[in-house]
């Protein structure tokens, strides 16, 4: 049987999607859609999701709506993209962690060890809790969350020693995002959190400014952190969420049918991005081991120790930033999702 390459397969899918209804005239509406990930769909969840969104919207609108993609941070970092989407100079963006800077309640999704697995996270985000959070953030920011994507579970790496339990984190200088919640989490685990902007991370790891960092497996592999870090801990401390957002004023200028098309396309796009991320994460662990990283998978008892150390401290801090009801609602939604599986 003749094998079909992933590139040929995606090309065929793209051509098929583009074939059912384009007219020759120029689009009536152009939606500029930006993100910071590479465009290459096989390695980039945002790249895959945005490309699928574009194909569906353009095909099903018969070419009336054009989606212009701006990947790889070509229009700035995620904070810039959020600001530009809020002020309407950009129609859409797909962002992760910095979304909590404009809607603090979104930080509840970063409570450490709250999601036991991806299936539970998807159930919660696509269900009533996710809808309520999206409605709240829309009112607060003017950004409509069309769908939730996946950045993936974040894991620790370091250059000093294997980490299997919280006591192993003692004294390790860990790079974290410039997000206070992550500072509180690492501090509670006994490490020394060091907020560093993303472009400076490789240099910080190479020079020893920090001993380690935390990111999804796909990010660790794609950025060749295995060349700077010896030890990987699969503790899955935070489930990173992507937000596919659109400027509400621009959204409201569309017909109800076109609004429904955007929602439908974003729903499919989010699932495609999730699938790409899951594939690359599963494959990435083996690749990192092949590159020489020592992989530690904590036992259930050790994971409980991580959770017991980090979660109460972060919840206490977060309760001072947002209404604690959001934390309670998330925990209830997670419990309900687990019981249904």
C-alpha atoms as a PDB file:
ATOM      1  CA  UNK A   1       0.000   0.000   0.000  1.00  0.00           C
ATOM      2  CA  UNK A   2       1.381   3.405  -0.969  1.00  0.00           C
ATOM      3  CA  UNK A   3       2.060   5.651   2.024  1.00  0.00           C
ATOM      4  CA  UNK A   4       0.877   9.278   2.012  1.00  0.00           C
ATOM      5  CA  UNK A   5       3.086  11.854   3.719  1.00  0.00           C
ATOM      6  CA  UNK A   6       1.662  14.161   6.347  1.00  0.00           C
ATOM      7  CA  UNK A   7       2.430  17.144   4.106  1.00  0.00           C
ATOM      8  CA  UNK A   8       0.618  15.629   1.135  1.00  0.00           C
ATOM      9  CA  UNK A   9      -2.309  14.660   3.315  1.00  0.00           C
ATOM     10  CA  UNK A  10      -2.700  18.141   4.782  1.00  0.00           C
ATOM     11  CA  UNK A  11      -2.307  19.690   1.351  1.00  0.00           C
ATOM     12  CA  UNK A  12      -5.069  17.478   0.030  1.00  0.00           C
ATOM     13  CA  UNK A  13      -7.308  18.377   2.956  1.00  0.00           C
ATOM     14  CA  UNK A  14      -6.595  22.079   2.420  1.00  0.00           C
ATOM     15  CA  UNK A  15      -7.350  21.883  -1.293  1.00  0.00           C
ATOM     16  CA  UNK A  16     -10.542  19.958  -0.646  1.00  0.00           C
ATOM     17  CA  UNK A  17     -11.685  22.492   1.938  1.00  0.00           C
ATOM     18  CA  UNK A  18     -10.915  25.322  -0.459  1.00  0.00           C
ATOM     19  CA  UNK A  19     -12.803  23.726  -3.336  1.00  0.00           C
ATOM     20  CA  UNK A  20     -16.392  23.854  -2.174  1.00  0.00           C
ATOM     21  CA  UNK A  21     -17.594  27.304  -3.023  1.00  0.00           C
ATOM     22  CA  UNK A  22     -14.984  30.004  -3.637  1.00  0.00           C
ATOM     23  CA  UNK A  23     -15.978  32.826  -5.974  1.00  0.00           C
ATOM     24  CA  UNK A  24     -13.490  34.858  -7.965  1.00  0.00           C
ATOM     25  CA  UNK A  25     -14.285  38.254  -6.449  1.00  0.00           C
ATOM     26  CA  UNK A  26     -12.368  39.806  -3.576  1.00  0.00           C
ATOM     27  CA  UNK A  27     -13.443  39.023  -0.037  1.00  0.00           C
ATOM     28  CA  UNK A  28     -16.003  41.269   1.635  1.00  0.00           C
ATOM     29  CA  UNK A  29     -14.303  40.905   5.020  1.00  0.00           C
ATOM     30  CA  UNK A  30     -10.688  40.211   5.973  1.00  0.00           C
ATOM     31  CA  UNK A  31      -9.946  38.911   9.466  1.00  0.00           C
ATOM     32  CA  UNK A  32      -6.304  39.280  10.502  1.00  0.00           C
ATOM     33  CA  UNK A  33      -5.443  36.385  12.842  1.00  0.00           C
ATOM     34  CA  UNK A  34      -2.093  36.323  14.683  1.00  0.00           C
ATOM     35  CA  UNK A  35      -0.216  34.007  17.037  1.00  0.00           C
ATOM     36  CA  UNK A  36       3.376  33.480  18.199  1.00  0.00           C
ATOM     37  CA  UNK A  37       3.912  29.827  17.230  1.00  0.00           C
ATOM     38  CA  UNK A  38       5.511  28.585  13.995  1.00  0.00           C
ATOM     39  CA  UNK A  39       3.239  28.219  10.975  1.00  0.00           C
ATOM     40  CA  UNK A  40       4.272  24.597  10.366  1.00  0.00           C
ATOM     41  CA  UNK A  41       1.198  22.555  11.263  1.00  0.00           C
ATOM     42  CA  UNK A  42       2.928  19.275  12.169  1.00  0.00           C
ATOM     43  CA  UNK A  43       4.956  20.847  14.971  1.00  0.00           C
ATOM     44  CA  UNK A  44       2.771  23.775  16.017  1.00  0.00           C
ATOM     45  CA  UNK A  45      -0.619  23.485  17.687  1.00  0.00           C
ATOM     46  CA  UNK A  46      -1.407  27.156  16.997  1.00  0.00           C
ATOM     47  CA  UNK A  47      -0.125  26.796  13.445  1.00  0.00           C
ATOM     48  CA  UNK A  48      -2.404  23.808  12.841  1.00  0.00           C
ATOM     49  CA  UNK A  49      -5.434  25.360  14.538  1.00  0.00           C
ATOM     50  CA  UNK A  50      -5.169  28.688  12.732  1.00  0.00           C
ATOM     51  CA  UNK A  51      -4.698  27.043   9.334  1.00  0.00           C
ATOM     52  CA  UNK A  52      -7.753  24.838   9.814  1.00  0.00           C
ATOM     53  CA  UNK A  53      -9.778  27.857  10.991  1.00  0.00           C
ATOM     54  CA  UNK A  54      -8.746  29.773   7.881  1.00  0.00           C
ATOM     55  CA  UNK A  55      -9.631  26.902   5.530  1.00  0.00           C
ATOM     56  CA  UNK A  56     -13.064  26.312   7.034  1.00  0.00           C
ATOM     57  CA  UNK A  57     -14.078  29.986   7.197  1.00  0.00           C
ATOM     58  CA  UNK A  58     -12.902  30.815   3.699  1.00  0.00           C
ATOM     59  CA  UNK A  59     -14.428  27.675   2.177  1.00  0.00           C
ATOM     60  CA  UNK A  60     -17.785  27.811   3.926  1.00  0.00           C
ATOM     61  CA  UNK A  61     -18.181  31.549   3.342  1.00  0.00           C
ATOM     62  CA  UNK A  62     -17.590  31.042  -0.370  1.00  0.00           C
ATOM     63  CA  UNK A  63     -14.649  33.387  -0.207  1.00  0.00           C
ATOM     64  CA  UNK A  64     -16.658  36.277   1.270  1.00  0.00           C
ATOM     65  CA  UNK A  65     -14.481  36.117   4.410  1.00  0.00           C
ATOM     66  CA  UNK A  66     -10.717  36.005   4.100  1.00  0.00           C
ATOM     67  CA  UNK A  67      -8.573  35.001   7.083  1.00  0.00           C
ATOM     68  CA  UNK A  68      -5.065  36.458   6.883  1.00  0.00           C
ATOM     69  CA  UNK A  69      -2.666  34.568   9.146  1.00  0.00           C
ATOM     70  CA  UNK A  70       0.285  36.187  10.924  1.00  0.00           C
ATOM     71  CA  UNK A  71       2.214  33.398  12.704  1.00  0.00           C
ATOM     72  CA  UNK A  72       5.552  33.212  14.513  1.00  0.00           C
ATOM     73  CA  UNK A  73       5.206  36.466  16.439  1.00  0.00           C
ATOM     74  CA  UNK A  74       5.364  38.537  13.243  1.00  0.00           C
ATOM     75  CA  UNK A  75       3.019  41.081  14.837  1.00  0.00           C
ATOM     76  CA  UNK A  76       4.577  40.945  18.295  1.00  0.00           C
ATOM     77  CA  UNK A  77       4.429  38.911  21.490  1.00  0.00           C
ATOM     78  CA  UNK A  78       1.239  37.630  23.067  1.00  0.00           C
ATOM     79  CA  UNK A  79       0.779  40.718  25.243  1.00  0.00           C
ATOM     80  CA  UNK A  80       1.005  42.854  22.085  1.00  0.00           C
ATOM     81  CA  UNK A  81      -1.467  40.611  20.262  1.00  0.00           C
ATOM     82  CA  UNK A  82      -3.972  40.849  23.082  1.00  0.00           C
ATOM     83  CA  UNK A  83      -3.733  44.653  23.178  1.00  0.00           C
ATOM     84  CA  UNK A  84      -4.092  44.903  19.412  1.00  0.00           C
ATOM     85  CA  UNK A  85      -7.087  42.559  19.416  1.00  0.00           C
ATOM     86  CA  UNK A  86      -8.719  44.576  22.183  1.00  0.00           C
ATOM     87  CA  UNK A  87      -8.297  47.867  20.322  1.00  0.00           C
ATOM     88  CA  UNK A  88      -9.442  46.336  17.025  1.00  0.00           C
ATOM     89  CA  UNK A  89      -6.267  46.844  15.003  1.00  0.00           C
ATOM     90  CA  UNK A  90      -6.169  43.051  14.946  1.00  0.00           C
ATOM     91  CA  UNK A  91      -9.344  41.009  14.516  1.00  0.00           C
ATOM     92  CA  UNK A  92      -8.247  37.760  16.128  1.00  0.00           C
ATOM     93  CA  UNK A  93      -5.434  36.145  18.060  1.00  0.00           C
ATOM     94  CA  UNK A  94      -4.619  32.850  19.702  1.00  0.00           C
ATOM     95  CA  UNK A  95      -2.836  33.329  23.015  1.00  0.00           C
ATOM     96  CA  UNK A  96      -2.112  31.439  26.222  1.00  0.00           C
ATOM     97  CA  UNK A  97      -0.761  32.556  29.622  1.00  0.00           C
ATOM     98  CA  UNK A  98      -0.869  36.357  29.156  1.00  0.00           C
ATOM     99  CA  UNK A  99      -4.654  36.235  28.710  1.00  0.00           C
ATOM    100  CA  UNK A 100      -4.920  36.327  32.514  1.00  0.00           C
ATOM    101  CA  UNK A 101      -3.293  39.767  32.415  1.00  0.00           C
ATOM    102  CA  UNK A 102      -6.443  41.182  30.813  1.00  0.00           C
ATOM    103  CA  UNK A 103      -8.899  38.775  32.445  1.00  0.00           C
ATOM    104  CA  UNK A 104      -7.445  37.801  35.849  1.00  0.00           C
ATOM    105  CA  UNK A 105     -10.117  35.139  36.413  1.00  0.00           C
ATOM    106  CA  UNK A 106      -8.587  33.111  33.568  1.00  0.00           C
ATOM    107  CA  UNK A 107      -5.646  32.458  35.900  1.00  0.00           C
ATOM    108  CA  UNK A 108      -7.840  29.935  37.712  1.00  0.00           C
ATOM    109  CA  UNK A 109      -7.011  27.482  34.911  1.00  0.00           C
ATOM    110  CA  UNK A 110      -3.362  27.627  36.017  1.00  0.00           C
ATOM    111  CA  UNK A 111      -4.000  26.324  39.537  1.00  0.00           C
ATOM    112  CA  UNK A 112      -1.319  23.612  39.781  1.00  0.00           C
ATOM    113  CA  UNK A 113      -2.305  19.960  39.549  1.00  0.00           C
ATOM    114  CA  UNK A 114      -6.020  20.800  39.207  1.00  0.00           C
ATOM    115  CA  UNK A 115      -6.477  18.863  35.941  1.00  0.00           C
ATOM    116  CA  UNK A 116      -5.561  15.154  36.267  1.00  0.00           C
ATOM    117  CA  UNK A 117      -5.511  14.604  32.497  1.00  0.00           C
ATOM    118  CA  UNK A 118      -6.363  16.239  29.182  1.00  0.00           C
ATOM    119  CA  UNK A 119      -9.759  14.558  28.849  1.00  0.00           C
ATOM    120  CA  UNK A 120     -10.930  16.190  32.065  1.00  0.00           C
ATOM    121  CA  UNK A 121      -9.534  19.554  30.963  1.00  0.00           C
ATOM    122  CA  UNK A 122     -11.375  19.374  27.630  1.00  0.00           C
ATOM    123  CA  UNK A 123     -14.613  18.399  29.352  1.00  0.00           C
ATOM    124  CA  UNK A 124     -14.368  21.361  31.728  1.00  0.00           C
ATOM    125  CA  UNK A 125     -13.316  23.922  29.119  1.00  0.00           C
ATOM    126  CA  UNK A 126     -15.903  22.881  26.543  1.00  0.00           C
ATOM    127  CA  UNK A 127     -18.652  22.626  29.163  1.00  0.00           C
ATOM    128  CA  UNK A 128     -20.568  25.004  31.401  1.00  0.00           C
ATOM    129  CA  UNK A 129     -17.526  26.253  33.315  1.00  0.00           C
ATOM    130  CA  UNK A 130     -15.669  27.202  30.132  1.00  0.00           C
ATOM    131  CA  UNK A 131     -18.736  29.008  28.783  1.00  0.00           C
ATOM    132  CA  UNK A 132     -19.185  30.947  32.026  1.00  0.00           C
ATOM    133  CA  UNK A 133     -15.531  31.970  32.093  1.00  0.00           C
ATOM    134  CA  UNK A 134     -15.672  33.038  28.440  1.00  0.00           C
ATOM    135  CA  UNK A 135     -18.768  35.173  29.083  1.00  0.00           C
ATOM    136  CA  UNK A 136     -17.121  36.828  32.083  1.00  0.00           C
ATOM    137  CA  UNK A 137     -13.911  37.591  30.181  1.00  0.00           C
ATOM    138  CA  UNK A 138     -15.899  38.961  27.231  1.00  0.00           C
ATOM    139  CA  UNK A 139     -17.640  41.455  29.499  1.00  0.00           C
ATOM    140  CA  UNK A 140     -14.349  42.412  31.114  1.00  0.00           C
ATOM    141  CA  UNK A 141     -12.144  42.671  28.022  1.00  0.00           C
ATOM    142  CA  UNK A 142     -14.206  43.006  24.869  1.00  0.00           C
ATOM    143  CA  UNK A 143     -12.597  39.789  23.646  1.00  0.00           C
ATOM    144  CA  UNK A 144     -14.869  36.892  22.749  1.00  0.00           C
ATOM    145  CA  UNK A 145     -13.378  33.449  23.354  1.00  0.00           C
ATOM    146  CA  UNK A 146     -14.515  31.412  20.354  1.00  0.00           C
ATOM    147  CA  UNK A 147     -12.893  28.215  21.629  1.00  0.00           C
ATOM    148  CA  UNK A 148     -10.202  26.899  23.952  1.00  0.00           C
ATOM    149  CA  UNK A 149      -7.116  25.259  22.532  1.00  0.00           C
ATOM    150  CA  UNK A 150      -4.245  23.497  24.229  1.00  0.00           C
ATOM    151  CA  UNK A 151      -0.715  24.571  25.035  1.00  0.00           C
ATOM    152  CA  UNK A 152      -0.210  21.322  26.918  1.00  0.00           C
ATOM    153  CA  UNK A 153       0.814  20.119  30.352  1.00  0.00           C
ATOM    154  CA  UNK A 154       3.884  21.915  31.655  1.00  0.00           C
ATOM    155  CA  UNK A 155       6.827  19.995  33.144  1.00  0.00           C
ATOM    156  CA  UNK A 156      10.036  20.921  34.934  1.00  0.00           C
ATOM    157  CA  UNK A 157      13.552  20.524  33.542  1.00  0.00           C
ATOM    158  CA  UNK A 158      16.858  21.361  35.184  1.00  0.00           C
ATOM    159  CA  UNK A 159      20.594  20.887  34.821  1.00  0.00           C
ATOM    160  CA  UNK A 160      21.428  19.892  38.413  1.00  0.00           C
ATOM    161  CA  UNK A 161      19.624  16.721  39.520  1.00  0.00           C
ATOM    162  CA  UNK A 162      16.660  14.422  39.082  1.00  0.00           C
ATOM    163  CA  UNK A 163      13.492  15.775  40.684  1.00  0.00           C
ATOM    164  CA  UNK A 164      10.976  13.194  41.890  1.00  0.00           C
ATOM    165  CA  UNK A 165       9.446  15.007  44.874  1.00  0.00           C
ATOM    166  CA  UNK A 166       9.157  18.570  46.187  1.00  0.00           C
ATOM    167  CA  UNK A 167      12.219  18.298  48.415  1.00  0.00           C
ATOM    168  CA  UNK A 168      14.330  17.767  45.261  1.00  0.00           C
ATOM    169  CA  UNK A 169      13.322  21.260  44.103  1.00  0.00           C
ATOM    170  CA  UNK A 170      14.977  22.901  47.104  1.00  0.00           C
ATOM    171  CA  UNK A 171      17.244  25.743  45.987  1.00  0.00           C
ATOM    172  CA  UNK A 172      16.849  25.199  42.234  1.00  0.00           C
ATOM    173  CA  UNK A 173      16.621  28.459  40.305  1.00  0.00           C
ATOM    174  CA  UNK A 174      13.683  27.909  37.961  1.00  0.00           C
ATOM    175  CA  UNK A 175      12.775  30.251  35.119  1.00  0.00           C
ATOM    176  CA  UNK A 176       9.066  31.013  35.088  1.00  0.00           C
ATOM    177  CA  UNK A 177       6.854  33.209  32.925  1.00  0.00           C
ATOM    178  CA  UNK A 178       6.395  36.779  34.092  1.00  0.00           C
ATOM    179  CA  UNK A 179       3.114  35.670  35.685  1.00  0.00           C
ATOM    180  CA  UNK A 180       2.841  35.919  39.523  1.00  0.00           C
ATOM    181  CA  UNK A 181       0.953  32.632  39.895  1.00  0.00           C
ATOM    182  CA  UNK A 182       3.932  30.682  38.559  1.00  0.00           C
ATOM    183  CA  UNK A 183       6.234  32.507  40.967  1.00  0.00           C
ATOM    184  CA  UNK A 184       4.029  31.420  43.879  1.00  0.00           C
ATOM    185  CA  UNK A 185       3.913  27.818  42.633  1.00  0.00           C
ATOM    186  CA  UNK A 186       7.691  27.357  42.362  1.00  0.00           C
ATOM    187  CA  UNK A 187       8.242  29.114  45.674  1.00  0.00           C
ATOM    188  CA  UNK A 188       5.785  26.755  47.374  1.00  0.00           C
ATOM    189  CA  UNK A 189       7.668  23.768  45.940  1.00  0.00           C
ATOM    190  CA  UNK A 190      10.938  24.981  47.452  1.00  0.00           C
ATOM    191  CA  UNK A 191      12.519  26.321  44.285  1.00  0.00           C
ATOM    192  CA  UNK A 192      13.734  29.828  43.558  1.00  0.00           C
ATOM    193  CA  UNK A 193      11.405  31.286  40.882  1.00  0.00           C
ATOM    194  CA  UNK A 194      13.053  33.621  38.401  1.00  0.00           C
ATOM    195  CA  UNK A 195      10.729  35.443  35.969  1.00  0.00           C
ATOM    196  CA  UNK A 196      12.474  35.850  32.617  1.00  0.00           C
ATOM    197  CA  UNK A 197      10.926  36.928  29.276  1.00  0.00           C
ATOM    198  CA  UNK A 198      10.706  34.096  26.758  1.00  0.00           C
ATOM    199  CA  UNK A 199      13.330  35.390  24.255  1.00  0.00           C
ATOM    200  CA  UNK A 200      15.961  35.401  27.010  1.00  0.00           C
ATOM    201  CA  UNK A 201      15.385  31.831  28.199  1.00  0.00           C
ATOM    202  CA  UNK A 202      17.994  29.983  26.069  1.00  0.00           C
ATOM    203  CA  UNK A 203      20.730  32.391  27.169  1.00  0.00           C
ATOM    204  CA  UNK A 204      19.659  32.145  30.814  1.00  0.00           C
ATOM    205  CA  UNK A 205      19.853  28.332  30.670  1.00  0.00           C
ATOM    206  CA  UNK A 206      23.164  28.307  28.815  1.00  0.00           C
ATOM    207  CA  UNK A 207      24.905  30.779  31.142  1.00  0.00           C
ATOM    208  CA  UNK A 208      23.516  29.233  34.331  1.00  0.00           C
ATOM    209  CA  UNK A 209      21.515  32.304  35.296  1.00  0.00           C
ATOM    210  CA  UNK A 210      18.847  29.728  36.084  1.00  0.00           C
ATOM    211  CA  UNK A 211      19.125  25.985  36.714  1.00  0.00           C
ATOM    212  CA  UNK A 212      15.896  25.025  35.028  1.00  0.00           C
ATOM    213  CA  UNK A 213      12.584  26.002  33.500  1.00  0.00           C
ATOM    214  CA  UNK A 214       9.082  24.633  32.934  1.00  0.00           C
ATOM    215  CA  UNK A 215       7.220  24.157  29.668  1.00  0.00           C
ATOM    216  CA  UNK A 216       5.217  21.614  27.658  1.00  0.00           C
ATOM    217  CA  UNK A 217       7.160  18.713  26.156  1.00  0.00           C
ATOM    218  CA  UNK A 218       6.764  19.991  22.602  1.00  0.00           C
ATOM    219  CA  UNK A 219       8.283  23.357  23.553  1.00  0.00           C
ATOM    220  CA  UNK A 220      11.177  21.698  25.374  1.00  0.00           C
ATOM    221  CA  UNK A 221      11.979  19.582  22.324  1.00  0.00           C
ATOM    222  CA  UNK A 222      11.403  22.230  19.645  1.00  0.00           C
ATOM    223  CA  UNK A 223      13.732  24.666  21.429  1.00  0.00           C
ATOM    224  CA  UNK A 224      16.413  22.006  21.998  1.00  0.00           C
ATOM    225  CA  UNK A 225      16.444  22.543  25.748  1.00  0.00           C
ATOM    226  CA  UNK A 226      17.894  19.027  25.970  1.00  0.00           C
ATOM    227  CA  UNK A 227      21.195  20.634  24.946  1.00  0.00           C
ATOM    228  CA  UNK A 228      21.113  22.778  28.098  1.00  0.00           C
ATOM    229  CA  UNK A 229      19.132  20.621  30.532  1.00  0.00           C
ATOM    230  CA  UNK A 230      19.854  17.072  31.696  1.00  0.00           C
ATOM    231  CA  UNK A 231      16.786  16.248  33.802  1.00  0.00           C
ATOM    232  CA  UNK A 232      13.076  16.177  32.908  1.00  0.00           C
ATOM    233  CA  UNK A 233      10.301  15.661  35.470  1.00  0.00           C
ATOM    234  CA  UNK A 234       6.907  14.620  34.108  1.00  0.00           C
ATOM    235  CA  UNK A 235       4.880  16.191  36.908  1.00  0.00           C
ATOM    236  CA  UNK A 236       2.335  17.906  34.575  1.00  0.00           C
ATOM    237  CA  UNK A 237       1.873  20.730  37.057  1.00  0.00           C
ATOM    238  CA  UNK A 238      -0.196  23.112  34.915  1.00  0.00           C
ATOM    239  CA  UNK A 239      -2.430  22.432  31.922  1.00  0.00           C
ATOM    240  CA  UNK A 240      -1.692  25.295  29.538  1.00  0.00           C
ATOM    241  CA  UNK A 241      -4.756  26.662  27.748  1.00  0.00           C
ATOM    242  CA  UNK A 242      -4.908  28.538  24.462  1.00  0.00           C
ATOM    243  CA  UNK A 243      -7.645  31.111  23.932  1.00  0.00           C
ATOM    244  CA  UNK A 244      -8.909  31.732  20.378  1.00  0.00           C
ATOM    245  CA  UNK A 245     -10.259  35.264  20.746  1.00  0.00           C
ATOM    246  CA  UNK A 246     -11.917  37.800  18.446  1.00  0.00           C
ATOM    247  CA  UNK A 247     -12.590  41.496  18.935  1.00  0.00           C
ATOM    248  CA  UNK A 248     -16.243  41.731  19.956  1.00  0.00           C
ATOM    249  CA  UNK A 249     -17.043  44.826  17.874  1.00  0.00           C
ATOM    250  CA  UNK A 250     -15.668  43.138  14.760  1.00  0.00           C
ATOM    251  CA  UNK A 251     -17.576  39.966  15.627  1.00  0.00           C
ATOM    252  CA  UNK A 252     -20.837  41.884  16.035  1.00  0.00           C
ATOM    253  CA  UNK A 253     -20.400  43.479  12.602  1.00  0.00           C
ATOM    254  CA  UNK A 254     -20.815  40.011  11.076  1.00  0.00           C
ATOM    255  CA  UNK A 255     -24.148  38.417  10.299  1.00  0.00           C
ATOM    256  CA  UNK A 256     -25.497  35.805  12.707  1.00  0.00           C
ATOM    257  CA  UNK A 257     -24.714  33.124  10.135  1.00  0.00           C
ATOM    258  CA  UNK A 258     -21.106  34.272   9.857  1.00  0.00           C
ATOM    259  CA  UNK A 259     -20.783  34.502  13.627  1.00  0.00           C
ATOM    260  CA  UNK A 260     -21.943  30.888  13.841  1.00  0.00           C
ATOM    261  CA  UNK A 261     -19.398  29.969  11.155  1.00  0.00           C
ATOM    262  CA  UNK A 262     -16.568  31.499  13.211  1.00  0.00           C
ATOM    263  CA  UNK A 263     -17.672  29.635  16.320  1.00  0.00           C
ATOM    264  CA  UNK A 264     -17.964  26.353  14.445  1.00  0.00           C
ATOM    265  CA  UNK A 265     -14.598  26.780  12.716  1.00  0.00           C
ATOM    266  CA  UNK A 266     -12.897  27.694  15.999  1.00  0.00           C
ATOM    267  CA  UNK A 267     -14.340  24.593  17.665  1.00  0.00           C
ATOM    268  CA  UNK A 268     -12.881  22.341  14.991  1.00  0.00           C
ATOM    269  CA  UNK A 269      -9.611  24.280  15.008  1.00  0.00           C
ATOM    270  CA  UNK A 270      -9.207  23.914  18.772  1.00  0.00           C
ATOM    271  CA  UNK A 271      -9.625  20.147  18.547  1.00  0.00           C
ATOM    272  CA  UNK A 272      -7.085  19.917  15.711  1.00  0.00           C
ATOM    273  CA  UNK A 273      -4.600  21.948  17.741  1.00  0.00           C
ATOM    274  CA  UNK A 274      -5.196  19.726  20.756  1.00  0.00           C
ATOM    275  CA  UNK A 275      -4.562  16.621  18.672  1.00  0.00           C
ATOM    276  CA  UNK A 276      -1.305  18.003  17.269  1.00  0.00           C
ATOM    277  CA  UNK A 277      -0.155  18.973  20.741  1.00  0.00           C
ATOM    278  CA  UNK A 278      -1.023  15.563  22.199  1.00  0.00           C
ATOM    279  CA  UNK A 279       0.806  13.779  19.388  1.00  0.00           C
ATOM    280  CA  UNK A 280       3.930  15.898  19.715  1.00  0.00           C
ATOM    281  CA  UNK A 281       3.916  15.612  23.518  1.00  0.00           C
ATOM    282  CA  UNK A 282       3.620  11.822  23.446  1.00  0.00           C
ATOM    283  CA  UNK A 283       6.313  11.498  20.812  1.00  0.00           C
ATOM    284  CA  UNK A 284       8.468  14.167  22.405  1.00  0.00           C
ATOM    285  CA  UNK A 285       9.184  12.304  25.650  1.00  0.00           C
ATOM    286  CA  UNK A 286      10.857   9.479  23.741  1.00  0.00           C
ATOM    287  CA  UNK A 287      12.764  11.966  21.592  1.00  0.00           C
ATOM    288  CA  UNK A 288      14.053  13.829  24.644  1.00  0.00           C
ATOM    289  CA  UNK A 289      15.215  10.560  26.178  1.00  0.00           C
ATOM    290  CA  UNK A 290      17.011   9.725  22.922  1.00  0.00           C
ATOM    291  CA  UNK A 291      18.749  13.096  23.127  1.00  0.00           C
ATOM    292  CA  UNK A 292      20.109  12.127  26.528  1.00  0.00           C
ATOM    293  CA  UNK A 293      17.653  13.627  28.999  1.00  0.00           C
ATOM    294  CA  UNK A 294      17.004  11.628  32.156  1.00  0.00           C
ATOM    295  CA  UNK A 295      13.227  11.363  32.471  1.00  0.00           C
ATOM    296  CA  UNK A 296      11.607  11.053  35.903  1.00  0.00           C
ATOM    297  CA  UNK A 297       7.928  10.129  36.205  1.00  0.00           C
ATOM    298  CA  UNK A 298       6.731  10.757  39.778  1.00  0.00           C
ATOM    299  CA  UNK A 299       4.580   8.075  41.399  1.00  0.00           C
ATOM    300  CA  UNK A 300       0.999   8.823  42.432  1.00  0.00           C
ATOM    301  CA  UNK A 301       2.217   9.365  45.987  1.00  0.00           C
ATOM    302  CA  UNK A 302       4.950  11.735  44.840  1.00  0.00           C
ATOM    303  CA  UNK A 303       2.502  13.671  42.656  1.00  0.00           C
ATOM    304  CA  UNK A 304       0.242  14.066  45.671  1.00  0.00           C
ATOM    305  CA  UNK A 305       3.193  15.556  47.548  1.00  0.00           C
ATOM    306  CA  UNK A 306       3.709  18.069  44.721  1.00  0.00           C
ATOM    307  CA  UNK A 307       0.003  18.936  44.728  1.00  0.00           C
ATOM    308  CA  UNK A 308      -0.188  19.221  48.520  1.00  0.00           C
ATOM    309  CA  UNK A 309       2.791  21.579  48.532  1.00  0.00           C
ATOM    310  CA  UNK A 310       1.858  23.822  45.609  1.00  0.00           C
ATOM    311  CA  UNK A 311      -1.916  23.953  45.392  1.00  0.00           C
ATOM    312  CA  UNK A 312      -2.859  25.458  48.796  1.00  0.00           C
ATOM    313  CA  UNK A 313      -0.248  28.208  48.513  1.00  0.00           C
ATOM    314  CA  UNK A 314      -1.332  29.170  45.003  1.00  0.00           C
ATOM    315  CA  UNK A 315      -5.027  29.058  45.907  1.00  0.00           C
ATOM    316  CA  UNK A 316      -4.398  31.294  48.910  1.00  0.00           C
ATOM    317  CA  UNK A 317      -2.557  33.789  46.720  1.00  0.00           C
ATOM    318  CA  UNK A 318      -5.107  33.603  43.895  1.00  0.00           C
ATOM    319  CA  UNK A 319      -8.007  34.108  46.309  1.00  0.00           C
ATOM    320  CA  UNK A 320      -6.558  37.546  46.993  1.00  0.00           C
ATOM    321  CA  UNK A 321      -6.603  38.368  43.279  1.00  0.00           C
ATOM    322  CA  UNK A 322      -9.999  37.072  42.117  1.00  0.00           C
ATOM    323  CA  UNK A 323     -13.312  36.008  43.640  1.00  0.00           C
ATOM    324  CA  UNK A 324     -12.663  32.637  45.301  1.00  0.00           C
ATOM    325  CA  UNK A 325     -15.903  31.352  43.784  1.00  0.00           C
ATOM    326  CA  UNK A 326     -14.070  30.869  40.503  1.00  0.00           C
ATOM    327  CA  UNK A 327     -11.691  28.437  42.189  1.00  0.00           C
ATOM    328  CA  UNK A 328     -14.577  26.579  43.818  1.00  0.00           C
ATOM    329  CA  UNK A 329     -16.487  26.400  40.533  1.00  0.00           C
ATOM    330  CA  UNK A 330     -13.452  25.009  38.719  1.00  0.00           C
ATOM    331  CA  UNK A 331     -12.827  22.376  41.378  1.00  0.00           C
ATOM    332  CA  UNK A 332     -16.506  21.341  41.238  1.00  0.00           C
ATOM    333  CA  UNK A 333     -16.372  21.138  37.429  1.00  0.00           C
ATOM    334  CA  UNK A 334     -13.238  18.973  37.575  1.00  0.00           C
ATOM    335  CA  UNK A 335     -14.855  16.640  40.134  1.00  0.00           C
ATOM    336  CA  UNK A 336     -17.953  16.333  37.951  1.00  0.00           C
ATOM    337  CA  UNK A 337     -15.884  15.662  34.813  1.00  0.00           C
ATOM    338  CA  UNK A 338     -13.837  12.970  36.561  1.00  0.00           C
ATOM    339  CA  UNK A 339     -17.010  11.254  37.790  1.00  0.00           C
ATOM    340  CA  UNK A 340     -18.412  11.138  34.256  1.00  0.00           C
ATOM    341  CA  UNK A 341     -15.399   9.263  32.869  1.00  0.00           C
END
